[in-house]
Amino acid sequence: SPVDFTLQAENVTSQSGVSVITGSHIGALDAGDWAR
């Protein structure tokens, strides 16, 4: 069966261009921005 797990966006390992990271969000994403 498929693996079921939740990965919260704010638990980003690394990022570029993601200018807002709060308690439960990443934000202000524009073309070319990324989160790893």
PDB file of all heavy atoms in Angstrom:
ATOM      1  N   SER A   1       0.842  -1.201   0.000  1.00  0.00           N
ATOM      2  CA  SER A   1       0.000   0.000   0.000  1.00  0.00           C
ATOM      3  C   SER A   1       0.871   1.241   0.000  1.00  0.00           C
ATOM      4  O   SER A   1       2.016   1.212   0.451  1.00  0.00           O
ATOM      5  CB  SER A   1      -0.913  -0.005   1.223  1.00  0.00           C
ATOM      6  OG  SER A   1      -0.153   0.034   2.399  1.00  0.00           O
ATOM      7  N   PRO A   2       0.326   2.369  -0.511  1.00  0.00           N
ATOM      8  CA  PRO A   2       1.107   3.616  -0.545  1.00  0.00           C
ATOM      9  C   PRO A   2       1.471   4.077   0.861  1.00  0.00           C
ATOM     10  O   PRO A   2       0.749   3.821   1.814  1.00  0.00           O
ATOM     11  CB  PRO A   2       0.160   4.618  -1.206  1.00  0.00           C
ATOM     12  CG  PRO A   2      -0.970   3.839  -1.755  1.00  0.00           C
ATOM     13  CD  PRO A   2      -0.987   2.513  -1.078  1.00  0.00           C
ATOM     14  N   VAL A   3       2.585   4.737   0.969  1.00  0.00           N
ATOM     15  CA  VAL A   3       3.021   5.305   2.238  1.00  0.00           C
ATOM     16  C   VAL A   3       2.238   6.591   2.461  1.00  0.00           C
ATOM     17  O   VAL A   3       2.146   7.434   1.576  1.00  0.00           O
ATOM     18  CB  VAL A   3       4.538   5.600   2.213  1.00  0.00           C
ATOM     19  CG1 VAL A   3       4.966   6.310   3.479  1.00  0.00           C
ATOM     20  CG2 VAL A   3       5.313   4.323   2.002  1.00  0.00           C
ATOM     21  N   ASP A   4       1.659   6.755   3.637  1.00  0.00           N
ATOM     22  CA  ASP A   4       0.870   7.942   3.954  1.00  0.00           C
ATOM     23  C   ASP A   4       1.573   8.701   5.073  1.00  0.00           C
ATOM     24  O   ASP A   4       1.744   8.168   6.166  1.00  0.00           O
ATOM     25  CB  ASP A   4      -0.530   7.529   4.380  1.00  0.00           C
ATOM     26  CG  ASP A   4      -1.461   8.717   4.574  1.00  0.00           C
ATOM     27  OD1 ASP A   4      -1.160   9.804   4.052  1.00  0.00           O
ATOM     28  OD2 ASP A   4      -2.478   8.549   5.253  1.00  0.00           O
ATOM     29  N   PHE A   5       2.030   9.900   4.777  1.00  0.00           N
ATOM     30  CA  PHE A   5       2.611  10.733   5.814  1.00  0.00           C
ATOM     31  C   PHE A   5       2.379  12.191   5.463  1.00  0.00           C
ATOM     32  O   PHE A   5       2.068  12.529   4.331  1.00  0.00           O
ATOM     33  CB  PHE A   5       4.106  10.437   6.011  1.00  0.00           C
ATOM     34  CG  PHE A   5       5.003  10.942   4.919  1.00  0.00           C
ATOM     35  CD1 PHE A   5       5.654  12.161   5.051  1.00  0.00           C
ATOM     36  CD2 PHE A   5       5.212  10.205   3.771  1.00  0.00           C
ATOM     37  CE1 PHE A   5       6.486  12.629   4.043  1.00  0.00           C
ATOM     38  CE2 PHE A   5       6.040  10.658   2.768  1.00  0.00           C
ATOM     39  CZ  PHE A   5       6.678  11.878   2.907  1.00  0.00           C
ATOM     40  N   THR A   6       2.512  13.049   6.453  1.00  0.00           N
ATOM     41  CA  THR A   6       2.312  14.478   6.261  1.00  0.00           C
ATOM     42  C   THR A   6       3.647  15.185   6.380  1.00  0.00           C
ATOM     43  O   THR A   6       4.394  14.962   7.325  1.00  0.00           O
ATOM     44  CB  THR A   6       1.339  15.036   7.317  1.00  0.00           C
ATOM     45  OG1 THR A   6       0.087  14.375   7.179  1.00  0.00           O
ATOM     46  CG2 THR A   6       1.151  16.530   7.152  1.00  0.00           C
ATOM     47  N   LEU A   7       3.925  16.025   5.418  1.00  0.00           N
ATOM     48  CA  LEU A   7       5.123  16.861   5.434  1.00  0.00           C
ATOM     49  C   LEU A   7       4.641  18.304   5.459  1.00  0.00           C
ATOM     50  O   LEU A   7       4.051  18.775   4.491  1.00  0.00           O
ATOM     51  CB  LEU A   7       5.975  16.598   4.195  1.00  0.00           C
ATOM     52  CG  LEU A   7       7.217  17.457   4.038  1.00  0.00           C
ATOM     53  CD1 LEU A   7       8.202  17.165   5.168  1.00  0.00           C
ATOM     54  CD2 LEU A   7       7.858  17.193   2.693  1.00  0.00           C
ATOM     55  N   GLN A   8       4.823  18.962   6.586  1.00  0.00           N
ATOM     56  CA  GLN A   8       4.388  20.343   6.721  1.00  0.00           C
ATOM     57  C   GLN A   8       5.306  21.263   5.920  1.00  0.00           C
ATOM     58  O   GLN A   8       6.525  21.113   5.966  1.00  0.00           O
ATOM     59  CB  GLN A   8       4.397  20.760   8.187  1.00  0.00           C
ATOM     60  CG  GLN A   8       3.446  19.971   9.064  1.00  0.00           C
ATOM     61  CD  GLN A   8       1.999  20.254   8.740  1.00  0.00           C
ATOM     62  OE1 GLN A   8       1.315  19.391   8.211  1.00  0.00           O
ATOM     63  NE2 GLN A   8       1.541  21.431   9.025  1.00  0.00           N
ATOM     64  N   ALA A   9       4.737  22.208   5.206  1.00  0.00           N
ATOM     65  CA  ALA A   9       5.498  23.123   4.360  1.00  0.00           C
ATOM     66  C   ALA A   9       6.567  23.875   5.136  1.00  0.00           C
ATOM     67  O   ALA A   9       7.668  24.110   4.642  1.00  0.00           O
ATOM     68  CB  ALA A   9       4.555  24.113   3.678  1.00  0.00           C
ATOM     69  N   GLU A  10       6.280  24.234   6.379  1.00  0.00           N
ATOM     70  CA  GLU A  10       7.236  25.024   7.156  1.00  0.00           C
ATOM     71  C   GLU A  10       8.444  24.212   7.604  1.00  0.00           C
ATOM     72  O   GLU A  10       9.414  24.763   8.101  1.00  0.00           O
ATOM     73  CB  GLU A  10       6.548  25.670   8.368  1.00  0.00           C
ATOM     74  CG  GLU A  10       6.119  24.710   9.445  1.00  0.00           C
ATOM     75  CD  GLU A  10       4.743  24.084   9.233  1.00  0.00           C
ATOM     76  OE1 GLU A  10       4.188  24.164   8.122  1.00  0.00           O
ATOM     77  OE2 GLU A  10       4.230  23.497  10.200  1.00  0.00           O
ATOM     78  N   ASN A  11       8.437  22.915   7.404  1.00  0.00           N
ATOM     79  CA  ASN A  11       9.578  22.078   7.759  1.00  0.00           C
ATOM     80  C   ASN A  11      10.584  21.976   6.619  1.00  0.00           C
ATOM     81  O   ASN A  11      11.277  20.976   6.472  1.00  0.00           O
ATOM     82  CB  ASN A  11       9.104  20.688   8.180  1.00  0.00           C
ATOM     83  CG  ASN A  11       8.328  20.728   9.473  1.00  0.00           C
ATOM     84  OD1 ASN A  11       8.538  21.591  10.300  1.00  0.00           O
ATOM     85  ND2 ASN A  11       7.410  19.806   9.639  1.00  0.00           N
ATOM     86  N   VAL A  12      10.690  23.013   5.851  1.00  0.00           N
ATOM     87  CA  VAL A  12      11.586  23.076   4.707  1.00  0.00           C
ATOM     88  C   VAL A  12      13.030  22.864   5.153  1.00  0.00           C
ATOM     89  O   VAL A  12      13.445  23.338   6.202  1.00  0.00           O
ATOM     90  CB  VAL A  12      11.399  24.423   3.964  1.00  0.00           C
ATOM     91  CG1 VAL A  12      11.761  25.600   4.842  1.00  0.00           C
ATOM     92  CG2 VAL A  12      12.143  24.466   2.667  1.00  0.00           C
ATOM     93  N   THR A  13      13.787  22.101   4.374  1.00  0.00           N
ATOM     94  CA  THR A  13      15.193  21.856   4.657  1.00  0.00           C
ATOM     95  C   THR A  13      16.054  23.004   4.154  1.00  0.00           C
ATOM     96  O   THR A  13      16.991  23.439   4.806  1.00  0.00           O
ATOM     97  CB  THR A  13      15.650  20.550   3.974  1.00  0.00           C
ATOM     98  OG1 THR A  13      14.831  19.486   4.443  1.00  0.00           O
ATOM     99  CG2 THR A  13      17.104  20.248   4.262  1.00  0.00           C
ATOM    100  N   SER A  14      15.729  23.497   2.972  1.00  0.00           N
ATOM    101  CA  SER A  14      16.470  24.580   2.339  1.00  0.00           C
ATOM    102  C   SER A  14      15.520  25.276   1.391  1.00  0.00           C
ATOM    103  O   SER A  14      14.542  24.679   0.932  1.00  0.00           O
ATOM    104  CB  SER A  14      17.670  23.999   1.587  1.00  0.00           C
ATOM    105  OG  SER A  14      18.422  25.004   0.975  1.00  0.00           O
ATOM    106  N   GLN A  15      15.798  26.550   1.078  1.00  0.00           N
ATOM    107  CA  GLN A  15      14.903  27.265   0.176  1.00  0.00           C
ATOM    108  C   GLN A  15      15.621  28.422  -0.502  1.00  0.00           C
ATOM    109  O   GLN A  15      16.676  28.845  -0.056  1.00  0.00           O
ATOM    110  CB  GLN A  15      13.675  27.774   0.935  1.00  0.00           C
ATOM    111  CG  GLN A  15      13.957  28.668   2.135  1.00  0.00           C
ATOM    112  CD  GLN A  15      14.207  30.124   1.802  1.00  0.00           C
ATOM    113  OE1 GLN A  15      13.828  30.604   0.745  1.00  0.00           O
ATOM    114  NE2 GLN A  15      14.854  30.845   2.697  1.00  0.00           N
ATOM    115  N   SER A  16      15.015  28.913  -1.566  1.00  0.00           N
ATOM    116  CA  SER A  16      15.500  30.116  -2.239  1.00  0.00           C
ATOM    117  C   SER A  16      14.298  30.908  -2.724  1.00  0.00           C
ATOM    118  O   SER A  16      13.432  30.374  -3.416  1.00  0.00           O
ATOM    119  CB  SER A  16      16.385  29.752  -3.433  1.00  0.00           C
ATOM    120  OG  SER A  16      16.773  30.913  -4.130  1.00  0.00           O
ATOM    121  N   GLY A  17      14.221  32.163  -2.320  1.00  0.00           N
ATOM    122  CA  GLY A  17      13.146  33.037  -2.761  1.00  0.00           C
ATOM    123  C   GLY A  17      11.878  32.938  -1.950  1.00  0.00           C
ATOM    124  O   GLY A  17      10.973  33.729  -2.126  1.00  0.00           O
ATOM    125  N   VAL A  18      11.788  31.977  -1.063  1.00  0.00           N
ATOM    126  CA  VAL A  18      10.620  31.842  -0.197  1.00  0.00           C
ATOM    127  C   VAL A  18      10.816  32.842   0.929  1.00  0.00           C
ATOM    128  O   VAL A  18      11.613  32.635   1.825  1.00  0.00           O
ATOM    129  CB  VAL A  18      10.493  30.399   0.346  1.00  0.00           C
ATOM    130  CG1 VAL A  18       9.305  30.277   1.277  1.00  0.00           C
ATOM    131  CG2 VAL A  18      10.377  29.421  -0.814  1.00  0.00           C
ATOM    132  N   SER A  19      10.112  33.982   0.859  1.00  0.00           N
ATOM    133  CA  SER A  19      10.438  35.077   1.758  1.00  0.00           C
ATOM    134  C   SER A  19       9.639  35.091   3.049  1.00  0.00           C
ATOM    135  O   SER A  19       9.937  35.875   3.926  1.00  0.00           O
ATOM    136  CB  SER A  19      10.285  36.416   1.039  1.00  0.00           C
ATOM    137  OG  SER A  19       8.967  36.589   0.592  1.00  0.00           O
ATOM    138  N   VAL A  20       8.633  34.251   3.172  1.00  0.00           N
ATOM    139  CA  VAL A  20       7.860  34.217   4.401  1.00  0.00           C
ATOM    140  C   VAL A  20       7.740  32.771   4.863  1.00  0.00           C
ATOM    141  O   VAL A  20       7.257  31.923   4.134  1.00  0.00           O
ATOM    142  CB  VAL A  20       6.441  34.797   4.187  1.00  0.00           C
ATOM    143  CG1 VAL A  20       5.626  34.695   5.458  1.00  0.00           C
ATOM    144  CG2 VAL A  20       6.511  36.243   3.712  1.00  0.00           C
ATOM    145  N   ILE A  21       8.225  32.487   6.039  1.00  0.00           N
ATOM    146  CA  ILE A  21       8.037  31.173   6.641  1.00  0.00           C
ATOM    147  C   ILE A  21       7.500  31.434   8.039  1.00  0.00           C
ATOM    148  O   ILE A  21       8.168  32.033   8.861  1.00  0.00           O
ATOM    149  CB  ILE A  21       9.347  30.364   6.696  1.00  0.00           C
ATOM    150  CG1 ILE A  21       9.907  30.153   5.288  1.00  0.00           C
ATOM    151  CG2 ILE A  21       9.102  29.031   7.387  1.00  0.00           C
ATOM    152  CD1 ILE A  21      11.235  29.446   5.256  1.00  0.00           C
ATOM    153  N   THR A  22       6.260  31.027   8.290  1.00  0.00           N
ATOM    154  CA  THR A  22       5.636  31.240   9.591  1.00  0.00           C
ATOM    155  C   THR A  22       5.287  29.899  10.198  1.00  0.00           C
ATOM    156  O   THR A  22       5.652  28.859   9.669  1.00  0.00           O
ATOM    157  CB  THR A  22       4.374  32.113   9.455  1.00  0.00           C
ATOM    158  OG1 THR A  22       3.431  31.431   8.627  1.00  0.00           O
ATOM    159  CG2 THR A  22       4.691  33.465   8.846  1.00  0.00           C
ATOM    160  N   GLY A  23       4.526  29.918  11.275  1.00  0.00           N
ATOM    161  CA  GLY A  23       4.200  28.702  12.005  1.00  0.00           C
ATOM    162  C   GLY A  23       3.638  27.572  11.176  1.00  0.00           C
ATOM    163  O   GLY A  23       3.904  26.413  11.450  1.00  0.00           O
ATOM    164  N   SER A  24       2.885  27.856  10.142  1.00  0.00           N
ATOM    165  CA  SER A  24       2.297  26.774   9.359  1.00  0.00           C
ATOM    166  C   SER A  24       2.259  27.076   7.866  1.00  0.00           C
ATOM    167  O   SER A  24       1.496  26.459   7.136  1.00  0.00           O
ATOM    168  CB  SER A  24       0.878  26.479   9.858  1.00  0.00           C
ATOM    169  OG  SER A  24       0.062  27.616   9.681  1.00  0.00           O
ATOM    170  N   HIS A  25       3.055  28.019   7.410  1.00  0.00           N
ATOM    171  CA  HIS A  25       3.006  28.433   6.011  1.00  0.00           C
ATOM    172  C   HIS A  25       4.406  28.698   5.452  1.00  0.00           C
ATOM    173  O   HIS A  25       5.302  29.072   6.189  1.00  0.00           O
ATOM    174  CB  HIS A  25       2.258  29.763   5.856  1.00  0.00           C
ATOM    175  CG  HIS A  25       0.861  29.759   6.324  1.00  0.00           C
ATOM    176  ND1 HIS A  25       0.521  29.630   7.642  1.00  0.00           N
ATOM    177  CD2 HIS A  25      -0.297  29.887   5.655  1.00  0.00           C
ATOM    178  CE1 HIS A  25      -0.794  29.689   7.767  1.00  0.00           C
ATOM    179  NE2 HIS A  25      -1.308  29.834   6.577  1.00  0.00           N
ATOM    180  N   ILE A  26       4.553  28.521   4.162  1.00  0.00           N
ATOM    181  CA  ILE A  26       5.610  29.192   3.428  1.00  0.00           C
ATOM    182  C   ILE A  26       4.865  30.112   2.473  1.00  0.00           C
ATOM    183  O   ILE A  26       3.705  29.862   2.132  1.00  0.00           O
ATOM    184  CB  ILE A  26       6.561  28.230   2.682  1.00  0.00           C
ATOM    185  CG1 ILE A  26       5.834  27.395   1.646  1.00  0.00           C
ATOM    186  CG2 ILE A  26       7.291  27.342   3.661  1.00  0.00           C
ATOM    187  CD1 ILE A  26       6.769  26.574   0.769  1.00  0.00           C
ATOM    188  N   GLY A  27       5.482  31.194   2.078  1.00  0.00           N
ATOM    189  CA  GLY A  27       4.727  32.134   1.269  1.00  0.00           C
ATOM    190  C   GLY A  27       5.592  33.034   0.433  1.00  0.00           C
ATOM    191  O   GLY A  27       6.810  32.925   0.414  1.00  0.00           O
ATOM    192  N   ALA A  28       4.903  33.964  -0.229  1.00  0.00           N
ATOM    193  CA  ALA A  28       5.524  34.943  -1.114  1.00  0.00           C
ATOM    194  C   ALA A  28       6.352  34.247  -2.181  1.00  0.00           C
ATOM    195  O   ALA A  28       7.483  34.612  -2.453  1.00  0.00           O
ATOM    196  CB  ALA A  28       6.351  35.952  -0.317  1.00  0.00           C
ATOM    197  N   LEU A  29       5.788  33.209  -2.764  1.00  0.00           N
ATOM    198  CA  LEU A  29       6.485  32.447  -3.797  1.00  0.00           C
ATOM    199  C   LEU A  29       6.316  33.108  -5.151  1.00  0.00           C
ATOM    200  O   LEU A  29       5.226  33.530  -5.519  1.00  0.00           O
ATOM    201  CB  LEU A  29       5.924  31.022  -3.860  1.00  0.00           C
ATOM    202  CG  LEU A  29       6.036  30.218  -2.575  1.00  0.00           C
ATOM    203  CD1 LEU A  29       5.230  28.942  -2.687  1.00  0.00           C
ATOM    204  CD2 LEU A  29       7.475  29.920  -2.272  1.00  0.00           C
ATOM    205  N   ASP A  30       7.392  33.193  -5.886  1.00  0.00           N
ATOM    206  CA  ASP A  30       7.390  33.716  -7.242  1.00  0.00           C
ATOM    207  C   ASP A  30       8.001  32.673  -8.168  1.00  0.00           C
ATOM    208  O   ASP A  30       8.639  31.715  -7.704  1.00  0.00           O
ATOM    209  CB  ASP A  30       8.214  35.015  -7.319  1.00  0.00           C
ATOM    210  CG  ASP A  30       7.596  36.135  -6.488  1.00  0.00           C
ATOM    211  OD1 ASP A  30       6.401  36.410  -6.664  1.00  0.00           O
ATOM    212  OD2 ASP A  30       8.318  36.715  -5.661  1.00  0.00           O
ATOM    213  N   ALA A  31       7.843  32.878  -9.453  1.00  0.00           N
ATOM    214  CA  ALA A  31       8.426  31.952 -10.429  1.00  0.00           C
ATOM    215  C   ALA A  31       9.916  31.792 -10.150  1.00  0.00           C
ATOM    216  O   ALA A  31      10.623  32.767  -9.906  1.00  0.00           O
ATOM    217  CB  ALA A  31       8.196  32.467 -11.841  1.00  0.00           C
ATOM    218  N   GLY A  32      10.385  30.559 -10.145  1.00  0.00           N
ATOM    219  CA  GLY A  32      11.789  30.272  -9.907  1.00  0.00           C
ATOM    220  C   GLY A  32      12.146  30.025  -8.452  1.00  0.00           C
ATOM    221  O   GLY A  32      13.240  29.556  -8.151  1.00  0.00           O
ATOM    222  N   ASP A  33      11.254  30.354  -7.514  1.00  0.00           N
ATOM    223  CA  ASP A  33      11.508  30.074  -6.099  1.00  0.00           C
ATOM    224  C   ASP A  33      11.394  28.571  -5.868  1.00  0.00           C
ATOM    225  O   ASP A  33      10.714  27.871  -6.611  1.00  0.00           O
ATOM    226  CB  ASP A  33      10.488  30.791  -5.214  1.00  0.00           C
ATOM    227  CG  ASP A  33      10.630  32.303  -5.254  1.00  0.00           C
ATOM    228  OD1 ASP A  33      11.606  32.802  -5.842  1.00  0.00           O
ATOM    229  OD2 ASP A  33       9.747  32.977  -4.701  1.00  0.00           O
ATOM    230  N   TRP A  34      12.066  28.093  -4.842  1.00  0.00           N
ATOM    231  CA  TRP A  34      11.992  26.667  -4.560  1.00  0.00           C
ATOM    232  C   TRP A  34      12.159  26.388  -3.075  1.00  0.00           C
ATOM    233  O   TRP A  34      12.689  27.210  -2.330  1.00  0.00           O
ATOM    234  CB  TRP A  34      13.032  25.876  -5.357  1.00  0.00           C
ATOM    235  CG  TRP A  34      14.458  26.324  -5.161  1.00  0.00           C
ATOM    236  CD1 TRP A  34      15.126  27.215  -5.951  1.00  0.00           C
ATOM    237  CD2 TRP A  34      15.365  25.930  -4.130  1.00  0.00           C
ATOM    238  NE1 TRP A  34      16.405  27.391  -5.470  1.00  0.00           N
ATOM    239  CE2 TRP A  34      16.581  26.604  -4.358  1.00  0.00           C
ATOM    240  CE3 TRP A  34      15.284  25.059  -3.055  1.00  0.00           C
ATOM    241  CZ2 TRP A  34      17.690  26.451  -3.538  1.00  0.00           C
ATOM    242  CZ3 TRP A  34      16.397  24.902  -2.230  1.00  0.00           C
ATOM    243  CH2 TRP A  34      17.581  25.589  -2.480  1.00  0.00           C
ATOM    244  N   ALA A  35      11.658  25.240  -2.677  1.00  0.00           N
ATOM    245  CA  ALA A  35      11.829  24.736  -1.321  1.00  0.00           C
ATOM    246  C   ALA A  35      12.245  23.277  -1.435  1.00  0.00           C
ATOM    247  O   ALA A  35      11.721  22.542  -2.265  1.00  0.00           O
ATOM    248  CB  ALA A  35      10.535  24.861  -0.524  1.00  0.00           C
ATOM    249  N   ARG A  36      13.207  22.874  -0.614  1.00  0.00           N
ATOM    250  CA  ARG A  36      13.689  21.494  -0.630  1.00  0.00           C
ATOM    251  C   ARG A  36      13.322  20.808   0.683  1.00  0.00           C
ATOM    252  O   ARG A  36      13.430  21.381   1.759  1.00  0.00           O
ATOM    253  CB  ARG A  36      15.209  21.462  -0.790  1.00  0.00           C
ATOM    254  CG  ARG A  36      15.728  20.023  -0.954  1.00  0.00           C
ATOM    255  CD  ARG A  36      17.230  19.970  -1.058  1.00  0.00           C
ATOM    256  NE  ARG A  36      17.753  19.851   0.319  1.00  0.00           N
ATOM    257  CZ  ARG A  36      18.906  20.354   0.705  1.00  0.00           C
ATOM    258  NH1 ARG A  36      19.673  21.024  -0.134  1.00  0.00           N
ATOM    259  NH2 ARG A  36      19.315  20.202   1.949  1.00  0.00           N
TER     260      ARG A  36
END
